[in-house]
């Protein structure tokens, strides 16, 4: 986060958009808050694209004026859908399903009696009866607890999509054989120290940039 903030400041974001980012508005706490809100609420770009589109690069918007950013930006950052991004995650008990847009054009012809296959804009469908006052849920998709905690701040007790990554060194794989003399352990203790110190330097530089904007 610190390195991203430094890049934005160096690019002149405070000077180019003074009405949006006046002096003192951006603090380290607000920067972390904004990043947390975005990563925990953002949805894949496929939510906004038409059904069948593999990526934003292949998307043909019905209104090009609403699709101004570069397609790589859409694929990398995703989209934020008001209200839908407030729903919590449930795998089996979710009542809301998101349906991407279905477009009938000269390139795509859809002939179906199913309501979900007829032409429509992106929409959220409540496919179960919901008691008045009950909470609505959607399904974030198959995610491990590591991904859930990192992006959303929670984990599931019985997570069928959970996984555990196990690694071992070369010496563990070949038994009691001595390690070759020229073999260097990846991310050894010295490298770990260097990485930690480098990270601290970046964070300190980011905080110094923030103080300069106050």
C-alpha atoms as a PDB file:
ATOM      1  CA  UNK A   1       0.000   0.000   0.000  1.00  0.00           C
ATOM      2  CA  UNK A   2       2.845   2.370   0.817  1.00  0.00           C
ATOM      3  CA  UNK A   3       4.533   1.857  -2.562  1.00  0.00           C
ATOM      4  CA  UNK A   4       1.218   2.398  -4.389  1.00  0.00           C
ATOM      5  CA  UNK A   5       0.638   5.625  -2.484  1.00  0.00           C
ATOM      6  CA  UNK A   6       4.161   6.838  -3.308  1.00  0.00           C
ATOM      7  CA  UNK A   7       3.548   6.136  -7.012  1.00  0.00           C
ATOM      8  CA  UNK A   8       0.320   8.157  -6.989  1.00  0.00           C
ATOM      9  CA  UNK A   9       1.910  11.097  -5.194  1.00  0.00           C
ATOM     10  CA  UNK A  10       4.935  11.061  -7.500  1.00  0.00           C
ATOM     11  CA  UNK A  11       2.544  11.029 -10.479  1.00  0.00           C
ATOM     12  CA  UNK A  12       1.060  14.302  -9.182  1.00  0.00           C
ATOM     13  CA  UNK A  13      -2.378  13.150  -8.051  1.00  0.00           C
ATOM     14  CA  UNK A  14      -2.518  15.851  -5.350  1.00  0.00           C
ATOM     15  CA  UNK A  15      -1.565  18.631  -7.764  1.00  0.00           C
ATOM     16  CA  UNK A  16      -3.648  17.454 -10.727  1.00  0.00           C
ATOM     17  CA  UNK A  17      -6.866  17.000  -8.730  1.00  0.00           C
ATOM     18  CA  UNK A  18      -6.727  19.530  -5.869  1.00  0.00           C
ATOM     19  CA  UNK A  19     -10.521  19.779  -5.658  1.00  0.00           C
ATOM     20  CA  UNK A  20     -10.800  16.007  -5.132  1.00  0.00           C
ATOM     21  CA  UNK A  21      -7.702  15.562  -2.945  1.00  0.00           C
ATOM     22  CA  UNK A  22      -7.106  18.812  -0.996  1.00  0.00           C
ATOM     23  CA  UNK A  23      -4.091  19.024   1.304  1.00  0.00           C
ATOM     24  CA  UNK A  24      -4.500  17.008   4.479  1.00  0.00           C
ATOM     25  CA  UNK A  25      -7.308  14.843   3.116  1.00  0.00           C
ATOM     26  CA  UNK A  26      -5.192  11.733   2.525  1.00  0.00           C
ATOM     27  CA  UNK A  27      -3.779  10.182   5.673  1.00  0.00           C
ATOM     28  CA  UNK A  28      -2.251   6.756   6.222  1.00  0.00           C
ATOM     29  CA  UNK A  29      -5.346   5.588   8.149  1.00  0.00           C
ATOM     30  CA  UNK A  30      -7.699   6.768   5.387  1.00  0.00           C
ATOM     31  CA  UNK A  31      -5.533   5.186   2.720  1.00  0.00           C
ATOM     32  CA  UNK A  32      -5.665   1.784   4.483  1.00  0.00           C
ATOM     33  CA  UNK A  33      -9.430   2.179   5.050  1.00  0.00           C
ATOM     34  CA  UNK A  34     -10.068   2.934   1.382  1.00  0.00           C
ATOM     35  CA  UNK A  35      -8.002  -0.058   0.247  1.00  0.00           C
ATOM     36  CA  UNK A  36      -9.818  -2.363   2.689  1.00  0.00           C
ATOM     37  CA  UNK A  37     -13.252  -1.141   1.599  1.00  0.00           C
ATOM     38  CA  UNK A  38     -12.382  -1.617  -2.064  1.00  0.00           C
ATOM     39  CA  UNK A  39     -10.838  -5.094  -1.818  1.00  0.00           C
ATOM     40  CA  UNK A  40     -13.641  -6.405   0.411  1.00  0.00           C
ATOM     41  CA  UNK A  41     -16.460  -5.112  -1.829  1.00  0.00           C
ATOM     42  CA  UNK A  42     -15.142  -5.297  -5.401  1.00  0.00           C
ATOM     43  CA  UNK A  43     -16.712  -7.846  -7.761  1.00  0.00           C
ATOM     44  CA  UNK A  44     -15.210  -9.471 -10.881  1.00  0.00           C
ATOM     45  CA  UNK A  45     -15.538  -7.488 -14.099  1.00  0.00           C
ATOM     46  CA  UNK A  46     -17.593 -10.384 -15.484  1.00  0.00           C
ATOM     47  CA  UNK A  47     -20.527  -9.102 -13.388  1.00  0.00           C
ATOM     48  CA  UNK A  48     -20.762  -6.079 -15.669  1.00  0.00           C
ATOM     49  CA  UNK A  49     -19.895  -7.794 -18.944  1.00  0.00           C
ATOM     50  CA  UNK A  50     -22.295  -9.585 -21.255  1.00  0.00           C
ATOM     51  CA  UNK A  51     -22.945 -13.286 -20.815  1.00  0.00           C
ATOM     52  CA  UNK A  52     -20.313 -15.248 -22.710  1.00  0.00           C
ATOM     53  CA  UNK A  53     -17.632 -12.539 -22.609  1.00  0.00           C
ATOM     54  CA  UNK A  54     -14.293 -13.982 -21.528  1.00  0.00           C
ATOM     55  CA  UNK A  55     -12.819 -10.638 -20.540  1.00  0.00           C
ATOM     56  CA  UNK A  56     -13.318  -6.897 -20.851  1.00  0.00           C
ATOM     57  CA  UNK A  57     -11.217  -6.937 -24.022  1.00  0.00           C
ATOM     58  CA  UNK A  58     -13.893  -8.978 -25.835  1.00  0.00           C
ATOM     59  CA  UNK A  59     -16.804  -6.991 -24.379  1.00  0.00           C
ATOM     60  CA  UNK A  60     -19.023  -4.990 -26.738  1.00  0.00           C
ATOM     61  CA  UNK A  61     -20.914  -2.461 -24.600  1.00  0.00           C
ATOM     62  CA  UNK A  62     -24.358  -1.341 -25.670  1.00  0.00           C
ATOM     63  CA  UNK A  63     -23.386   2.163 -24.535  1.00  0.00           C
ATOM     64  CA  UNK A  64     -19.640   2.827 -25.133  1.00  0.00           C
ATOM     65  CA  UNK A  65     -19.837   6.021 -23.054  1.00  0.00           C
ATOM     66  CA  UNK A  66     -20.251   3.885 -19.925  1.00  0.00           C
ATOM     67  CA  UNK A  67     -17.140   1.852 -20.737  1.00  0.00           C
ATOM     68  CA  UNK A  68     -14.403   4.458 -21.008  1.00  0.00           C
ATOM     69  CA  UNK A  69     -11.523   2.915 -19.052  1.00  0.00           C
ATOM     70  CA  UNK A  70      -8.984   0.616 -20.676  1.00  0.00           C
ATOM     71  CA  UNK A  71     -10.147  -3.012 -20.748  1.00  0.00           C
ATOM     72  CA  UNK A  72      -7.077  -4.093 -18.755  1.00  0.00           C
ATOM     73  CA  UNK A  73      -8.216  -1.828 -15.922  1.00  0.00           C
ATOM     74  CA  UNK A  74     -11.627  -3.511 -15.841  1.00  0.00           C
ATOM     75  CA  UNK A  75     -10.136  -7.007 -15.789  1.00  0.00           C
ATOM     76  CA  UNK A  76      -7.599  -6.137 -13.088  1.00  0.00           C
ATOM     77  CA  UNK A  77      -9.701  -3.998 -10.743  1.00  0.00           C
ATOM     78  CA  UNK A  78     -13.230  -5.341 -11.274  1.00  0.00           C
ATOM     79  CA  UNK A  79     -16.423  -3.400 -10.586  1.00  0.00           C
ATOM     80  CA  UNK A  80     -18.392  -2.179  -7.591  1.00  0.00           C
ATOM     81  CA  UNK A  81     -22.160  -2.723  -7.613  1.00  0.00           C
ATOM     82  CA  UNK A  82     -24.091  -0.621  -5.056  1.00  0.00           C
ATOM     83  CA  UNK A  83     -26.113  -2.620  -2.502  1.00  0.00           C
ATOM     84  CA  UNK A  84     -24.998  -5.967  -3.973  1.00  0.00           C
ATOM     85  CA  UNK A  85     -21.525  -5.417  -2.506  1.00  0.00           C
ATOM     86  CA  UNK A  86     -23.111  -5.238   0.965  1.00  0.00           C
ATOM     87  CA  UNK A  87     -24.293  -8.875   0.930  1.00  0.00           C
ATOM     88  CA  UNK A  88     -22.414 -11.387   3.055  1.00  0.00           C
ATOM     89  CA  UNK A  89     -21.197 -14.801   1.900  1.00  0.00           C
ATOM     90  CA  UNK A  90     -23.048 -18.106   2.224  1.00  0.00           C
ATOM     91  CA  UNK A  91     -22.333 -21.136   0.061  1.00  0.00           C
ATOM     92  CA  UNK A  92     -25.558 -23.148   0.441  1.00  0.00           C
ATOM     93  CA  UNK A  93     -27.947 -20.702   2.121  1.00  0.00           C
ATOM     94  CA  UNK A  94     -27.525 -17.756  -0.257  1.00  0.00           C
ATOM     95  CA  UNK A  95     -30.740 -16.425  -1.790  1.00  0.00           C
ATOM     96  CA  UNK A  96     -29.322 -13.960  -4.341  1.00  0.00           C
ATOM     97  CA  UNK A  97     -27.715 -14.862  -7.666  1.00  0.00           C
ATOM     98  CA  UNK A  98     -26.072 -12.363 -10.004  1.00  0.00           C
ATOM     99  CA  UNK A  99     -26.840 -12.667 -13.713  1.00  0.00           C
ATOM    100  CA  UNK A 100     -24.646 -10.895 -16.290  1.00  0.00           C
ATOM    101  CA  UNK A 101     -26.302  -9.054 -19.157  1.00  0.00           C
ATOM    102  CA  UNK A 102     -27.815 -10.986 -22.057  1.00  0.00           C
ATOM    103  CA  UNK A 103     -27.696  -9.059 -25.316  1.00  0.00           C
ATOM    104  CA  UNK A 104     -29.337  -9.971 -28.631  1.00  0.00           C
ATOM    105  CA  UNK A 105     -27.365  -8.415 -31.464  1.00  0.00           C
ATOM    106  CA  UNK A 106     -26.295  -9.210 -34.998  1.00  0.00           C
ATOM    107  CA  UNK A 107     -23.301 -11.043 -33.545  1.00  0.00           C
ATOM    108  CA  UNK A 108     -25.148 -12.885 -30.784  1.00  0.00           C
ATOM    109  CA  UNK A 109     -28.567 -14.437 -31.295  1.00  0.00           C
ATOM    110  CA  UNK A 110     -30.245 -16.099 -28.338  1.00  0.00           C
ATOM    111  CA  UNK A 111     -33.414 -18.105 -28.879  1.00  0.00           C
ATOM    112  CA  UNK A 112     -34.778 -19.470 -25.634  1.00  0.00           C
ATOM    113  CA  UNK A 113     -38.020 -19.625 -23.693  1.00  0.00           C
ATOM    114  CA  UNK A 114     -36.124 -19.360 -20.409  1.00  0.00           C
ATOM    115  CA  UNK A 115     -36.585 -15.998 -18.703  1.00  0.00           C
ATOM    116  CA  UNK A 116     -32.896 -15.953 -17.686  1.00  0.00           C
ATOM    117  CA  UNK A 117     -31.814 -16.265 -21.333  1.00  0.00           C
ATOM    118  CA  UNK A 118     -33.945 -13.435 -22.687  1.00  0.00           C
ATOM    119  CA  UNK A 119     -32.319 -10.047 -23.288  1.00  0.00           C
ATOM    120  CA  UNK A 120     -31.759  -8.131 -20.056  1.00  0.00           C
ATOM    121  CA  UNK A 121     -29.305  -5.851 -18.258  1.00  0.00           C
ATOM    122  CA  UNK A 122     -27.047  -7.128 -15.447  1.00  0.00           C
ATOM    123  CA  UNK A 123     -29.290  -7.992 -12.505  1.00  0.00           C
ATOM    124  CA  UNK A 124     -29.509  -9.641  -9.122  1.00  0.00           C
ATOM    125  CA  UNK A 125     -32.147 -12.368  -8.777  1.00  0.00           C
ATOM    126  CA  UNK A 126     -33.564 -13.557  -5.465  1.00  0.00           C
ATOM    127  CA  UNK A 127     -34.150 -17.250  -6.200  1.00  0.00           C
ATOM    128  CA  UNK A 128     -35.499 -18.245  -2.758  1.00  0.00           C
ATOM    129  CA  UNK A 129     -38.320 -17.027  -0.550  1.00  0.00           C
ATOM    130  CA  UNK A 130     -36.995 -14.651   2.096  1.00  0.00           C
ATOM    131  CA  UNK A 131     -38.763 -13.871   5.325  1.00  0.00           C
ATOM    132  CA  UNK A 132     -39.323 -10.172   5.941  1.00  0.00           C
ATOM    133  CA  UNK A 133     -36.447  -8.738   7.945  1.00  0.00           C
ATOM    134  CA  UNK A 134     -34.088 -11.646   7.184  1.00  0.00           C
ATOM    135  CA  UNK A 135     -30.549 -11.041   5.933  1.00  0.00           C
ATOM    136  CA  UNK A 136     -29.774 -11.574   2.264  1.00  0.00           C
ATOM    137  CA  UNK A 137     -26.700 -13.548   1.208  1.00  0.00           C
ATOM    138  CA  UNK A 138     -24.864 -14.187  -2.014  1.00  0.00           C
ATOM    139  CA  UNK A 139     -22.129 -16.671  -2.906  1.00  0.00           C
ATOM    140  CA  UNK A 140     -18.629 -15.240  -3.424  1.00  0.00           C
ATOM    141  CA  UNK A 141     -17.579 -18.439  -5.167  1.00  0.00           C
ATOM    142  CA  UNK A 142     -15.248 -21.287  -4.131  1.00  0.00           C
ATOM    143  CA  UNK A 143     -12.563 -19.583  -2.017  1.00  0.00           C
ATOM    144  CA  UNK A 144     -10.126 -20.991   0.522  1.00  0.00           C
ATOM    145  CA  UNK A 145     -10.065 -19.604   4.048  1.00  0.00           C
ATOM    146  CA  UNK A 146      -6.727 -18.012   3.204  1.00  0.00           C
ATOM    147  CA  UNK A 147      -8.370 -16.046   0.373  1.00  0.00           C
ATOM    148  CA  UNK A 148     -11.442 -15.194   2.449  1.00  0.00           C
ATOM    149  CA  UNK A 149      -9.393 -13.893   5.381  1.00  0.00           C
ATOM    150  CA  UNK A 150      -7.002 -11.954   3.159  1.00  0.00           C
ATOM    151  CA  UNK A 151      -9.716 -10.261   1.085  1.00  0.00           C
ATOM    152  CA  UNK A 152     -12.766 -10.153   3.351  1.00  0.00           C
ATOM    153  CA  UNK A 153     -11.492 -10.646   6.904  1.00  0.00           C
ATOM    154  CA  UNK A 154     -13.331 -13.859   7.796  1.00  0.00           C
ATOM    155  CA  UNK A 155     -13.072 -17.627   7.391  1.00  0.00           C
ATOM    156  CA  UNK A 156     -15.483 -20.580   7.398  1.00  0.00           C
ATOM    157  CA  UNK A 157     -15.355 -23.534   9.814  1.00  0.00           C
ATOM    158  CA  UNK A 158     -16.489 -26.196   7.327  1.00  0.00           C
ATOM    159  CA  UNK A 159     -15.142 -24.750   4.093  1.00  0.00           C
ATOM    160  CA  UNK A 160     -15.289 -27.349   1.306  1.00  0.00           C
ATOM    161  CA  UNK A 161     -13.055 -25.128  -0.837  1.00  0.00           C
ATOM    162  CA  UNK A 162     -10.359 -24.765   1.817  1.00  0.00           C
ATOM    163  CA  UNK A 163      -6.807 -25.874   1.068  1.00  0.00           C
ATOM    164  CA  UNK A 164      -3.477 -26.188   2.804  1.00  0.00           C
ATOM    165  CA  UNK A 165      -0.268 -25.522   0.902  1.00  0.00           C
ATOM    166  CA  UNK A 166       2.695 -27.624   2.006  1.00  0.00           C
ATOM    167  CA  UNK A 167       6.272 -27.004   0.950  1.00  0.00           C
ATOM    168  CA  UNK A 168       9.576 -28.610   1.744  1.00  0.00           C
ATOM    169  CA  UNK A 169      13.227 -28.067   1.049  1.00  0.00           C
ATOM    170  CA  UNK A 170      15.431 -30.037  -1.313  1.00  0.00           C
ATOM    171  CA  UNK A 171      17.045 -31.841   1.618  1.00  0.00           C
ATOM    172  CA  UNK A 172      13.642 -33.103   2.799  1.00  0.00           C
ATOM    173  CA  UNK A 173      12.846 -34.507  -0.631  1.00  0.00           C
ATOM    174  CA  UNK A 174      16.019 -36.597  -1.082  1.00  0.00           C
ATOM    175  CA  UNK A 175      16.359 -38.053   2.420  1.00  0.00           C
ATOM    176  CA  UNK A 176      19.606 -37.882   4.383  1.00  0.00           C
ATOM    177  CA  UNK A 177      21.830 -36.796   1.515  1.00  0.00           C
ATOM    178  CA  UNK A 178      23.975 -33.746   2.130  1.00  0.00           C
ATOM    179  CA  UNK A 179      22.986 -30.542   0.392  1.00  0.00           C
ATOM    180  CA  UNK A 180      25.341 -29.629  -2.507  1.00  0.00           C
ATOM    181  CA  UNK A 181      27.920 -27.049  -1.515  1.00  0.00           C
ATOM    182  CA  UNK A 182      26.814 -24.530  -4.151  1.00  0.00           C
ATOM    183  CA  UNK A 183      23.101 -24.856  -3.288  1.00  0.00           C
ATOM    184  CA  UNK A 184      21.570 -21.696  -1.882  1.00  0.00           C
ATOM    185  CA  UNK A 185      18.356 -21.940   0.139  1.00  0.00           C
ATOM    186  CA  UNK A 186      15.676 -19.728  -1.470  1.00  0.00           C
ATOM    187  CA  UNK A 187      14.700 -16.843   0.763  1.00  0.00           C
ATOM    188  CA  UNK A 188      17.356 -17.640   3.334  1.00  0.00           C
ATOM    189  CA  UNK A 189      17.646 -15.801   6.625  1.00  0.00           C
ATOM    190  CA  UNK A 190      19.772 -13.018   5.119  1.00  0.00           C
ATOM    191  CA  UNK A 191      17.277 -12.494   2.291  1.00  0.00           C
ATOM    192  CA  UNK A 192      14.381 -12.470   4.745  1.00  0.00           C
ATOM    193  CA  UNK A 193      16.083  -9.718   6.714  1.00  0.00           C
ATOM    194  CA  UNK A 194      16.727  -7.733   3.526  1.00  0.00           C
ATOM    195  CA  UNK A 195      13.081  -8.095   2.459  1.00  0.00           C
ATOM    196  CA  UNK A 196      11.791  -6.994   5.857  1.00  0.00           C
ATOM    197  CA  UNK A 197      14.132  -4.000   5.955  1.00  0.00           C
ATOM    198  CA  UNK A 198      13.212  -3.035   2.386  1.00  0.00           C
ATOM    199  CA  UNK A 199       9.502  -3.269   3.223  1.00  0.00           C
ATOM    200  CA  UNK A 200      10.031  -1.079   6.285  1.00  0.00           C
ATOM    201  CA  UNK A 201      11.898   1.497   4.188  1.00  0.00           C
ATOM    202  CA  UNK A 202       9.006   1.630   1.697  1.00  0.00           C
ATOM    203  CA  UNK A 203       6.441   2.020   4.482  1.00  0.00           C
ATOM    204  CA  UNK A 204       8.513   4.754   6.164  1.00  0.00           C
ATOM    205  CA  UNK A 205       8.838   6.576   2.843  1.00  0.00           C
ATOM    206  CA  UNK A 206       5.071   6.303   2.294  1.00  0.00           C
ATOM    207  CA  UNK A 207       4.309   7.719   5.733  1.00  0.00           C
ATOM    208  CA  UNK A 208       6.783  10.566   5.087  1.00  0.00           C
ATOM    209  CA  UNK A 209       4.955  11.344   1.818  1.00  0.00           C
ATOM    210  CA  UNK A 210       1.673  11.484   3.715  1.00  0.00           C
ATOM    211  CA  UNK A 211       3.135  13.897   6.284  1.00  0.00           C
ATOM    212  CA  UNK A 212       4.299  16.128   3.444  1.00  0.00           C
ATOM    213  CA  UNK A 213       0.713  16.382   2.140  1.00  0.00           C
ATOM    214  CA  UNK A 214      -0.728  17.413   5.531  1.00  0.00           C
END
